[in-house]
C-alpha atoms as a PDB file:
ATOM      1  CA  MET A   1      99.594 -88.338  83.587  1.00  0.00           C
ATOM      2  CA  LYS A   2      97.020 -86.581  81.645  1.00  0.00           C
ATOM      3  CA  THR A   3      97.663 -85.024  78.070  1.00  0.00           C
ATOM      4  CA  GLY A   4      95.624 -83.572  75.117  1.00  0.00           C
ATOM      5  CA  TRP A   5      92.262 -81.882  75.605  1.00  0.00           C
ATOM      6  CA  GLN A   6      90.899 -81.586  79.155  1.00  0.00           C
ATOM      7  CA  TYR A   7      87.789 -80.474  80.486  1.00  0.00           C
ATOM      8  CA  LEU A   8      88.109 -78.812  84.100  1.00  0.00           C
ATOM      9  CA  GLY A   9      86.300 -76.602  86.127  1.00  0.00           C
ATOM     10  CA  ASN A  10      84.040 -75.499  83.222  1.00  0.00           C
ATOM     11  CA  LYS A  11      86.838 -74.720  80.757  1.00  0.00           C
ATOM     12  CA  TRP A  12      88.776 -76.277  78.270  1.00  0.00           C
ATOM     13  CA  TYR A  13      92.878 -76.538  78.374  1.00  0.00           C
ATOM     14  CA  TYR A  14      95.199 -78.277  76.349  1.00  0.00           C
ATOM     15  CA  LEU A  15      98.218 -80.472  78.358  1.00  0.00           C
ATOM     16  CA  ARG A  16     101.340 -81.075  75.868  1.00  0.00           C
ATOM     17  CA  SER A  17     102.960 -84.619  76.133  1.00  0.00           C
ATOM     18  CA  SER A  18     105.027 -83.380  78.906  1.00  0.00           C
ATOM     19  CA  GLY A  19     102.034 -82.495  80.501  1.00  0.00           C
ATOM     20  CA  ALA A  20     102.363 -78.746  80.446  1.00  0.00           C
ATOM     21  CA  MET A  21      99.678 -76.625  79.861  1.00  0.00           C
ATOM     22  CA  ALA A  22      99.608 -74.836  76.555  1.00  0.00           C
ATOM     23  CA  THR A  23      98.858 -71.188  76.221  1.00  0.00           C
ATOM     24  CA  GLY A  24      98.876 -68.813  73.482  1.00  0.00           C
ATOM     25  CA  TRP A  25      98.218 -69.923  69.738  1.00  0.00           C
ATOM     26  CA  TYR A  26      97.887 -73.955  69.623  1.00  0.00           C
ATOM     27  CA  GLN A  27      97.170 -75.935  66.016  1.00  0.00           C
ATOM     28  CA  ASP A  28      95.359 -79.111  66.176  1.00  0.00           C
ATOM     29  CA  GLY A  29      95.463 -80.622  63.119  1.00  0.00           C
ATOM     30  CA  SER A  30      94.555 -78.064  60.564  1.00  0.00           C
ATOM     31  CA  THR A  31      92.557 -75.907  63.013  1.00  0.00           C
ATOM     32  CA  TRP A  32      93.958 -73.198  65.185  1.00  0.00           C
ATOM     33  CA  TYR A  33      93.112 -72.251  68.664  1.00  0.00           C
ATOM     34  CA  TYR A  34      93.801 -69.435  71.403  1.00  0.00           C
ATOM     35  CA  LEU A  35      94.420 -70.721  74.816  1.00  0.00           C
ATOM     36  CA  ASN A  36      94.684 -67.753  77.402  1.00  0.00           C
ATOM     37  CA  THR A  37      98.292 -66.632  78.300  1.00  0.00           C
ATOM     38  CA  SER A  38      97.404 -66.180  81.934  1.00  0.00           C
ATOM     39  CA  ASN A  39      95.645 -69.465  82.427  1.00  0.00           C
ATOM     40  CA  GLY A  40      95.683 -71.823  79.580  1.00  0.00           C
ATOM     41  CA  ALA A  41      91.852 -71.790  79.162  1.00  0.00           C
ATOM     42  CA  MET A  42      90.458 -72.104  75.502  1.00  0.00           C
ATOM     43  CA  THR A  43      89.139 -68.762  74.288  1.00  0.00           C
ATOM     44  CA  THR A  44      85.694 -68.548  72.642  1.00  0.00           C
ATOM     45  CA  GLY A  45      83.854 -65.572  71.176  1.00  0.00           C
ATOM     46  CA  TRP A  46      85.644 -62.329  69.957  1.00  0.00           C
ATOM     47  CA  PHE A  47      88.978 -62.003  71.615  1.00  0.00           C
ATOM     48  CA  GLN A  48      91.990 -59.733  70.701  1.00  0.00           C
ATOM     49  CA  VAL A  49      95.642 -60.423  70.525  1.00  0.00           C
ATOM     50  CA  ASN A  50      98.383 -57.795  69.985  1.00  0.00           C
ATOM     51  CA  GLY A  51      95.623 -55.226  68.626  1.00  0.00           C
ATOM     52  CA  LYS A  52      93.899 -57.682  65.889  1.00  0.00           C
ATOM     53  CA  TRP A  53      90.619 -58.897  66.708  1.00  0.00           C
ATOM     54  CA  TYR A  54      89.838 -62.828  65.951  1.00  0.00           C
ATOM     55  CA  TYR A  55      86.485 -64.821  66.508  1.00  0.00           C
ATOM     56  CA  ALA A  56      86.804 -68.525  68.243  1.00  0.00           C
ATOM     57  CA  TYR A  57      83.504 -70.832  67.593  1.00  0.00           C
ATOM     58  CA  SER A  58      81.913 -72.405  70.788  1.00  0.00           C
ATOM     59  CA  SER A  59      84.160 -75.484  70.002  1.00  0.00           C
ATOM     60  CA  GLY A  60      87.156 -72.984  70.657  1.00  0.00           C
ATOM     61  CA  ALA A  61      88.345 -73.061  66.668  1.00  0.00           C
ATOM     62  CA  LEU A  62      89.214 -69.977  65.128  1.00  0.00           C
ATOM     63  CA  ALA A  63      87.052 -68.315  62.460  1.00  0.00           C
ATOM     64  CA  VAL A  64      88.617 -67.870  58.987  1.00  0.00           C
ATOM     65  CA  ASN A  65      87.759 -66.949  55.637  1.00  0.00           C
ATOM     66  CA  THR A  66      84.039 -66.060  56.893  1.00  0.00           C
ATOM     67  CA  THR A  67      81.572 -63.520  58.390  1.00  0.00           C
ATOM     68  CA  VAL A  68      81.004 -63.582  61.947  1.00  0.00           C
ATOM     69  CA  ASP A  69      78.135 -61.482  63.468  1.00  0.00           C
ATOM     70  CA  GLY A  70      78.552 -58.819  59.821  1.00  0.00           C
ATOM     71  CA  TYR A  71      82.013 -58.858  60.757  1.00  0.00           C
ATOM     72  CA  TYR A  72      84.767 -60.426  57.817  1.00  0.00           C
ATOM     73  CA  VAL A  73      87.857 -62.514  59.247  1.00  0.00           C
ATOM     74  CA  ASN A  74      90.352 -63.240  56.595  1.00  0.00           C
ATOM     75  CA  TYR A  75      92.465 -66.625  56.277  1.00  0.00           C
ATOM     76  CA  ASN A  76      94.269 -65.908  59.327  1.00  0.00           C
ATOM     77  CA  GLY A  77      91.276 -65.483  61.309  1.00  0.00           C
ATOM     78  CA  GLU A  78      91.953 -61.500  61.812  1.00  0.00           C
ATOM     79  CA  TRP A  79      89.020 -59.066  61.332  1.00  0.00           C
ATOM     80  CA  VAL A  80      89.271 -57.219  58.464  1.00  0.00           C
ATOM     81  CA  ARG A  81      87.915 -53.540  59.638  1.00  0.00           C
END
């Protein structure tokens, strides 16, 4: 049974130790990722969750405490307007 990060069909997914696909927010060490809630694919670029905007690098890692494309994201990764 495969577990951990898996690259399938040009997308990254995370499979838990049970083999189940993770969805939603996922923390790997100190890094946060957002895995699409409908298909589990790792999200990159700008995305919205519950009305808040976030940015994930091409690695999938959530940007925090930085400026992306001229927009500041805080310690939670939320875009501060």
